[in-house]
Structure formats: structure tokens, C-alpha cells
Protein backbone atom coordinates (compact mmCIF):
# COMPACT_ATOMS: atom_id res chain seq x y z
CA MET A 1 -87.39 121.44 -29.13
CA LYS A 2 -86.03 118.94 -27.69
CA ARG A 3 -87.44 115.69 -28.73
CA PRO A 4 -88.91 113.19 -26.24
CA ALA A 5 -86.58 110.80 -24.37
CA LYS A 6 -86.88 107.30 -25.27
CA PRO A 7 -88.46 105.28 -22.62
CA ALA A 8 -86.30 102.98 -20.76
CA ALA A 9 -86.19 99.55 -22.41
CA ALA A 10 -88.28 96.37 -20.11
CA PRO A 11 -85.20 94.03 -18.35
CA ALA A 12 -85.07 90.89 -20.03
CA PRO A 13 -87.57 88.65 -18.58
CA ARG A 14 -85.72 85.82 -16.78
CA PRO A 15 -85.75 82.02 -17.46
CA PRO A 16 -88.00 80.04 -15.18
CA VAL A 17 -86.58 78.32 -12.34
CA THR A 18 -86.98 74.89 -13.21
CA GLY A 19 -84.94 73.38 -10.21
CA ARG A 20 -82.77 74.32 -7.44
CA SER A 21 -78.69 74.61 -8.39
CA ALA A 22 -76.87 71.87 -6.40
CA ILE A 23 -73.88 72.79 -3.83
CA VAL A 24 -72.29 69.90 -5.70
CA PRO A 25 -71.59 70.15 -9.23
CA PRO A 26 -73.44 66.93 -10.59
CA GLN A 27 -70.80 65.59 -13.15
CA THR A 28 -67.13 65.79 -12.13
CA ILE A 29 -64.02 63.65 -12.58
CA ALA A 30 -64.15 62.55 -9.19
CA GLY A 31 -67.99 61.67 -9.11
CA ARG A 32 -67.54 59.75 -12.35
CA ALA A 33 -64.33 57.78 -10.74
CA LEU A 34 -66.81 57.11 -7.29
CA VAL A 35 -69.52 55.74 -9.36
CA LEU A 36 -66.74 53.60 -11.02
CA VAL A 37 -65.00 52.52 -7.78
CA ILE A 38 -68.61 51.67 -6.05
CA ALA A 39 -69.79 49.74 -9.20
CA ILE A 40 -66.60 47.45 -9.21
CA MET A 41 -67.10 46.91 -5.68
CA THR A 42 -70.31 46.26 -5.93
CA PHE A 43 -70.03 43.38 -8.63
CA LEU A 44 -67.54 41.82 -6.49
CA ALA A 45 -69.34 41.80 -3.29
CA GLY A 46 -72.00 40.12 -5.56
CA LEU A 47 -69.98 37.59 -6.78
CA THR A 48 -69.15 37.01 -3.42
CA ILE A 49 -72.58 36.79 -2.52
CA VAL A 50 -73.15 34.66 -5.30
CA GLY A 51 -70.22 32.31 -4.61
CA VAL A 52 -71.07 32.02 -0.88
CA SER A 53 -74.78 30.91 -2.06
CA VAL A 54 -73.48 27.78 -4.41
CA VAL A 55 -71.31 26.59 -2.16
CA GLU A 56 -73.68 26.90 0.50
CA ASP A 57 -76.63 25.53 -1.40
CA ALA A 58 -74.18 22.24 -3.00
CA ALA A 59 -73.07 21.57 0.34
CA ARG A 60 -76.57 21.50 2.07
CA ALA A 61 -77.56 18.99 -1.13
CA TRP A 62 -74.20 16.81 -0.16
CA ARG A 63 -75.34 16.49 3.65
CA SER A 64 -79.34 15.71 2.53
CA ASP A 65 -77.99 13.04 0.50
CA ILE A 66 -74.84 11.48 2.42
CA GLY A 67 -77.55 11.82 5.46
CA ARG A 68 -79.62 9.43 4.09
CA GLU A 69 -77.30 6.95 3.22
CA VAL A 70 -74.93 4.01 5.09
CA THR A 71 -72.20 1.92 3.05
CA ILE A 72 -71.31 -1.39 4.33
CA GLU A 73 -67.96 -2.56 3.27
CA VAL A 74 -67.10 -6.28 2.86
CA ARG A 75 -63.53 -6.94 2.62
CA PRO A 76 -62.53 -10.29 1.01
CA MET A 77 -60.80 -12.60 3.29
CA ASP A 78 -59.12 -16.13 3.07
CA GLY A 79 -62.14 -19.05 3.68
CA THR A 80 -65.24 -16.38 2.83
CA THR A 81 -67.23 -16.20 -0.51
CA PRO A 82 -67.35 -12.58 -0.87
CA ALA A 83 -70.42 -12.95 -2.82
CA ALA A 84 -72.28 -15.10 0.18
CA GLU A 85 -71.13 -12.45 2.95
CA VAL A 86 -72.50 -9.24 0.92
CA GLN A 87 -76.14 -11.20 0.28
CA LYS A 88 -76.48 -12.07 4.02
CA ALA A 89 -75.01 -8.25 4.60
CA VAL A 90 -77.82 -6.71 2.28
CA ALA A 91 -80.99 -9.07 4.13
CA LEU A 92 -79.19 -8.05 7.51
CA ALA A 93 -79.53 -4.37 6.22
CA GLN A 94 -83.23 -4.76 5.66
CA GLU A 95 -84.49 -5.61 8.56
CA PHE A 96 -83.70 -2.47 10.06
CA PRO A 97 -86.34 -0.12 10.48
CA GLY A 98 -85.87 3.55 8.92
CA VAL A 99 -84.16 1.33 5.68
CA SER A 100 -85.62 1.69 2.41
CA GLY A 101 -83.37 -0.97 0.63
CA ALA A 102 -80.22 -2.12 0.46
CA ARG A 103 -77.92 -2.96 -3.04
CA ALA A 104 -74.61 -4.51 -3.63
CA LEU A 105 -72.85 -2.12 -6.13
CA SER A 106 -71.95 -4.36 -9.70
CA ASP A 107 -68.71 -5.33 -10.67
CA THR A 108 -69.28 -2.46 -13.65
CA GLU A 109 -69.72 0.31 -10.98
CA THR A 110 -67.01 -0.84 -8.78
CA GLN A 111 -64.82 -0.55 -11.75
CA ARG A 112 -65.82 2.95 -12.22
CA LEU A 113 -64.95 4.06 -8.71
CA LEU A 114 -61.65 2.77 -9.04
CA GLU A 115 -61.09 3.96 -12.78
CA PRO A 116 -59.21 7.43 -11.86
CA TRP A 117 -56.99 5.70 -9.73
CA LEU A 118 -56.06 1.94 -11.30
CA GLY A 119 -57.19 2.45 -15.11
CA ALA A 120 -60.44 1.22 -17.14
CA GLY A 121 -60.69 -2.72 -17.11
CA VAL A 122 -59.52 -3.42 -14.02
CA ASP A 123 -59.35 -7.41 -13.19
CA LEU A 124 -61.55 -7.53 -9.54
CA GLY A 125 -61.03 -10.86 -8.96
CA SER A 126 -57.52 -10.31 -9.05
CA LEU A 127 -57.17 -7.75 -6.33
CA PRO A 128 -58.82 -7.91 -2.91
CA VAL A 129 -60.94 -5.09 -3.48
CA PRO A 130 -63.81 -5.08 -0.86
CA ARG A 131 -67.53 -4.79 -1.67
CA LEU A 132 -69.79 -2.43 -1.47
CA ILE A 133 -73.54 -2.10 -0.44
CA VAL A 134 -75.64 1.15 -0.68
CA VAL A 135 -78.07 1.34 2.13
CA SER A 136 -80.72 3.59 1.73
CA LEU A 137 -82.86 5.14 4.44
CA ASP A 138 -86.42 6.73 4.50
CA ASP A 139 -86.73 7.50 8.31
CA PRO A 140 -83.13 8.49 9.42
CA ALA A 141 -84.72 9.57 12.95
CA ALA A 142 -85.75 5.97 13.11
CA PHE A 143 -82.18 4.21 12.19
CA ASP A 144 -79.84 3.00 14.60
CA VAL A 145 -76.51 2.95 12.73
CA LYS A 146 -75.18 1.20 16.20
CA ALA A 147 -77.29 -1.56 16.13
CA LEU A 148 -76.16 -2.37 12.31
CA ALA A 149 -72.38 -2.04 12.54
CA ALA A 150 -72.56 -4.32 15.55
CA ALA A 151 -75.14 -6.72 13.86
CA VAL A 152 -72.80 -6.53 10.54
CA ALA A 153 -69.49 -7.10 12.46
CA LYS A 154 -71.33 -10.05 14.08
CA ASP A 155 -72.76 -11.95 11.51
CA VAL A 156 -70.99 -10.84 8.49
CA ARG A 157 -67.34 -11.91 8.40
CA GLY A 158 -65.01 -8.76 6.90
CA GLY A 159 -67.98 -6.45 7.22
CA SER A 160 -67.77 -2.76 8.60
CA VAL A 161 -70.32 0.32 8.37
CA ASP A 162 -69.65 3.57 7.64
CA ASP A 163 -72.36 6.32 8.16
CA HIS A 164 -70.18 8.87 6.75
CA ALA A 165 -70.04 11.00 9.80
CA LEU A 166 -66.17 12.28 9.02
CA TRP A 167 -66.97 13.10 5.46
CA ILE A 168 -70.50 15.20 7.32
CA ASP A 169 -68.27 16.42 9.75
CA ARG A 170 -65.49 17.83 7.03
CA LEU A 171 -67.99 18.88 4.76
CA ALA A 172 -70.00 21.06 7.82
CA ALA A 173 -66.23 22.41 8.48
CA MET A 174 -65.69 23.42 4.45
CA ALA A 175 -69.01 24.91 4.27
CA ASN A 176 -68.96 27.00 7.11
CA SER A 177 -65.29 28.19 6.50
CA THR A 178 -66.16 29.05 3.00
CA VAL A 179 -69.32 31.45 4.36
CA PHE A 180 -67.04 33.21 7.09
CA ALA A 181 -64.59 33.87 4.35
CA GLY A 182 -66.91 35.01 1.92
CA LEU A 183 -68.27 37.55 5.09
CA GLY A 184 -65.45 38.92 5.42
CA ILE A 185 -64.78 39.48 1.74
CA LEU A 186 -67.32 41.45 1.54
CA MET A 187 -66.80 43.72 4.69
CA LEU A 188 -63.20 44.55 3.57
CA MET A 189 -65.19 45.67 0.07
CA LEU A 190 -67.85 47.58 2.04
CA ILE A 191 -65.10 49.13 4.29
CA ALA A 192 -62.96 49.99 0.99
CA MET A 193 -66.03 51.72 -0.81
CA VAL A 194 -66.83 53.64 2.98
CA LEU A 195 -63.90 54.97 2.90
CA SER A 196 -63.74 55.95 -1.02
CA VAL A 197 -66.59 57.48 -0.08
CA VAL A 198 -65.32 59.34 2.62
CA PHE A 199 -62.67 60.63 0.40
CA ALA A 200 -64.82 61.63 -2.48
CA THR A 201 -67.09 63.86 0.29
CA ASN A 202 -63.87 65.48 1.49
CA ALA A 203 -62.64 65.89 -1.80
CA ALA A 204 -66.29 67.72 -2.64
CA MET A 205 -66.01 69.89 0.28
CA ALA A 206 -62.81 71.25 -0.34
CA GLY A 207 -63.63 72.31 -3.85
CA ASN A 208 -66.92 73.86 -2.83
CA ARG A 209 -65.25 75.39 0.38
CA ASP A 210 -66.25 78.81 -0.24
CA VAL A 211 -70.00 78.40 -1.33
CA ILE A 212 -69.96 75.83 1.76
CA GLU A 213 -68.86 78.54 3.59
CA VAL A 214 -71.10 81.60 2.39
CA LEU A 215 -73.96 79.61 2.90
CA HIS A 216 -73.19 78.63 6.62
CA PHE A 217 -72.18 82.19 8.15
CA CYS A 218 -75.10 83.42 6.21
CA GLY A 219 -77.65 81.01 8.24
CA ALA A 220 -77.69 77.97 6.23
CA GLU A 221 -78.65 74.68 8.78
CA ASP A 222 -75.89 72.45 8.89
CA ARG A 223 -78.57 69.85 7.82
CA PHE A 224 -79.81 71.89 4.82
CA ILE A 225 -75.46 71.38 3.72
CA ALA A 226 -75.32 67.82 4.64
CA GLY A 227 -78.71 67.16 2.99
CA GLU A 228 -77.37 68.45 -0.37
CA PHE A 229 -74.10 66.32 -0.35
CA GLN A 230 -76.22 63.21 0.78
CA ARG A 231 -78.88 63.57 -2.39
CA HIS A 232 -75.79 63.89 -4.60
CA PHE A 233 -73.96 61.21 -3.14
CA LEU A 234 -77.23 59.02 -2.99
CA MET A 235 -77.31 59.17 -6.49
CA LEU A 236 -73.74 58.27 -7.63
CA GLY A 237 -74.13 55.11 -4.86
CA MET A 238 -77.55 54.25 -7.07
CA LYS A 239 -75.94 54.56 -10.28
CA GLY A 240 -72.73 52.28 -9.12
CA GLY A 241 -74.50 50.06 -7.36
CA ALA A 242 -76.95 49.67 -10.34
CA ILE A 243 -74.27 49.27 -12.39
CA GLY A 244 -72.43 46.54 -10.29
CA GLY A 245 -75.68 44.34 -9.62
CA GLY A 246 -76.36 44.64 -13.18
CA LEU A 247 -72.93 43.48 -14.65
CA ASP A 248 -73.74 40.30 -11.50
CA PHE A 249 -76.89 39.21 -13.18
CA VAL A 250 -75.34 39.25 -16.59
CA ALA A 251 -72.03 37.23 -15.08
CA ILE A 252 -74.79 34.73 -13.93
CA ALA A 253 -76.56 34.67 -16.88
CA VAL A 254 -73.35 34.08 -18.92
CA LEU A 255 -72.04 31.51 -16.16
CA SER A 256 -75.38 29.84 -16.20
CA TYR A 257 -75.25 29.50 -20.18
CA LEU A 258 -71.90 28.45 -20.17
CA MET A 259 -72.28 25.39 -17.65
CA HIS A 260 -75.52 24.49 -19.00
CA GLY A 261 -74.15 24.46 -22.93
CA ALA A 262 -70.68 22.05 -21.26
CA ALA A 263 -73.11 19.33 -20.09
CA GLY A 264 -71.83 15.97 -21.81
CA ARG A 265 -68.26 17.53 -22.24
CA PRO A 266 -64.95 15.91 -20.63
CA GLY A 267 -64.85 17.04 -17.11
CA ALA A 268 -68.57 18.44 -16.74
CA ASP A 269 -69.72 15.28 -15.06
CA GLN A 270 -67.40 15.97 -12.31
CA TYR A 271 -67.59 19.63 -11.90
CA GLU A 272 -71.52 18.48 -11.96
CA ALA A 273 -71.31 15.71 -9.26
CA LEU A 274 -68.93 18.24 -7.22
CA PHE A 275 -70.90 21.14 -7.03
CA GLY A 276 -74.37 20.10 -8.63
CA VAL A 277 -76.17 22.01 -11.71
CA PHE A 278 -75.32 25.36 -11.54
CA SER A 279 -78.49 27.15 -10.31
CA ILE A 280 -78.87 30.15 -8.34
CA GLY A 281 -82.10 30.30 -6.42
CA TRP A 282 -84.33 33.37 -5.80
CA THR A 283 -82.70 34.04 -2.15
CA ALA A 284 -79.28 35.18 -4.20
CA TYR A 285 -81.21 37.27 -6.47
CA GLY A 286 -82.93 38.60 -3.49
CA TRP A 287 -79.63 38.98 -1.62
CA LEU A 288 -78.27 41.05 -4.65
CA VAL A 289 -81.00 43.62 -4.99
CA ALA A 290 -80.78 44.38 -1.74
CA LEU A 291 -77.01 44.89 -1.94
CA VAL A 292 -77.80 47.56 -4.76
CA VAL A 293 -80.17 49.11 -1.84
CA ALA A 294 -77.46 48.64 0.74
CA VAL A 295 -74.89 50.32 -1.55
CA ALA A 296 -77.02 53.47 -2.35
CA VAL A 297 -77.66 54.11 1.44
CA LEU A 298 -74.44 53.40 3.06
CA THR A 299 -73.18 55.83 0.70
CA ALA A 300 -75.40 58.55 1.42
CA THR A 301 -75.23 58.02 5.31
CA THR A 302 -71.59 58.21 4.80
CA SER A 303 -71.32 61.31 3.02
CA ARG A 304 -73.51 62.61 5.75
CA PHE A 305 -71.57 61.57 8.28
CA ALA A 306 -68.29 63.27 6.62
CA VAL A 307 -70.16 66.61 5.64
CA ARG A 308 -71.31 66.80 9.31
CA ARG A 309 -67.90 66.23 10.74
CA SER A 310 -66.45 69.12 8.18
CA LEU A 311 -69.02 71.45 9.13
CA ALA A 312 -68.10 71.04 12.58
CA ALA A 313 -64.56 71.52 12.00
CA ILE A 314 -65.57 75.18 10.11
CA THR A 315 -67.63 76.35 13.14
């Protein structure tokens, strides 16, 4: 008597599908290297943006300060009393519209101006040092610098007026050159990043060529394959951009802390006089956030175009 056959074992249940498998492996050496490259490029680009922002803000503050001041210079001449001529120039400048006040620099202030070149304790009486008068303007539009220059040349012996126009032009040229140089460096960094993404995309295409060809000849549309690569490189771009942008924020915080902590130390006063207090406006922070977003979008877009170009070659 035959024994009844055992029923066939039921097939093991399949694990639930928690997500779709990616065409491009999520973790590869090339992917980690690309994240590092994007982070470095983003960090350097962010520092460039911050540097350009600091220079532009400092130049704007310089132009504003210089544009609201005019200097009268009274040179010592034989047969004249410099103090009398200085008082005459002060009274003359205060009569002009748009002038909020005029004052002569004291001997102590003049010595401080000359100290970097002549040293401390300069005897102004033994040197033919011109006396300077600072004319402050409250309404530059109503002030006529040419009329003041003519009046000073006529009524004040050895007097002349400097409206700092030459310095303003040089300052504007320097600031514009710095901005254009920063933009050029920023463009070079973005181009280098785009080329890195193109090379990484081509490498990923070459490593997964068999899978891509099977999908392609089975009817998968190019936009589906390109979308998979775009999604993969978008995540890489977001990760690298976030790392680089985060390092930028850390670098700004450290520099701000060091600059505020260096107040009163030797050399700090000169730096503050040149660049002002180190501070980053909200505009610069906004540009840094926009940079991170732009890096991610640029990475994804570049990858999509590179994939479509490779797929066109397959067909």
C-alpha cells in the first residue's frame, strides 16, 4: 500500500517591496568622490561670494563716508600765520549751503596721521606741515565744491580744496575689479564642477551599460532612465552642496569670532579702518543658501543632459 504523497511545500513568501530598485547604485566610490568634489567647490564658491560681499559693502561704506567730506589744505607760506588762515578757511566753509560743519584737525590728530611715516613725537612747528580742515556735508547735492575751491584759493593764502574725487574713482575701480574677479573665479568653479559631474555620469553609464541597454531595448523610455540618473545625482549634489555650505557658515562664524576677539590687539585698528567691522549681511547668507540649491539643480540637470546624450549614442 502506497503512502500518500506529501503535499508540495508552499513557496516562501516574497519580502514586501519597500521601494523600487535604483539603476545607479546609491553608494559607490565614484559617488563619494563626486560628493567630496562638489563639497569643495561649493565651499570655495561660498567663500568667494562672502569675500566679494565684504569688499563691496566696505567699498560702499567708503564711498558714502568720503562723499560726505571735503578737505581743505592750508600750506604754510612766508609772511602768513597758519592759525589765522585756518580760522579764515573754517569760517568760509561754514557759509556754504550743504555744509553741516567744519573743523581743523588738532596737532595731536595731525601727529597721529604722520606717525606711520615720521614716527611718534613729531614737532609740527619745525616742519612745513600743511594744516587740514575737515568739512562735513549734510546735503552733498546742494554743495558746490567748485565754488568753495575758488573762494578758498582767493581768500585763503596757501589754501586748496580736495573733494577726494580721485580716491573715489580709484576705490570704485578697485571694488569693480574685485567683484568681476570674484565672479570669474565663481564661474570657473562651477564649470569645473559641471565637468566633474559629466565625467561621473559617463562613468556611471559605463558601469551600468548592460542594465541600461536591457532596459532600453525592453521599451524603457529615455526620460525614465535619465530621470533615474537625475534623481541619483540630485541627491549627490544636495549632499555635497549642504556639506560645502555648512562649512561656509562655520568658517564665517569662526572668522567673526576671531575678529571680534582681536579688538584692541595690535593691527586690529588698522584692519578695522580698512575693512570695517567684519560682518556678513543677510544678503550674503541668502546667496549661500541659493548657491547650495543651485549646485544641486545644476548637478541634476548636467547629469540628465549627459545621460540623454549617451542614450542617443546607443540608439
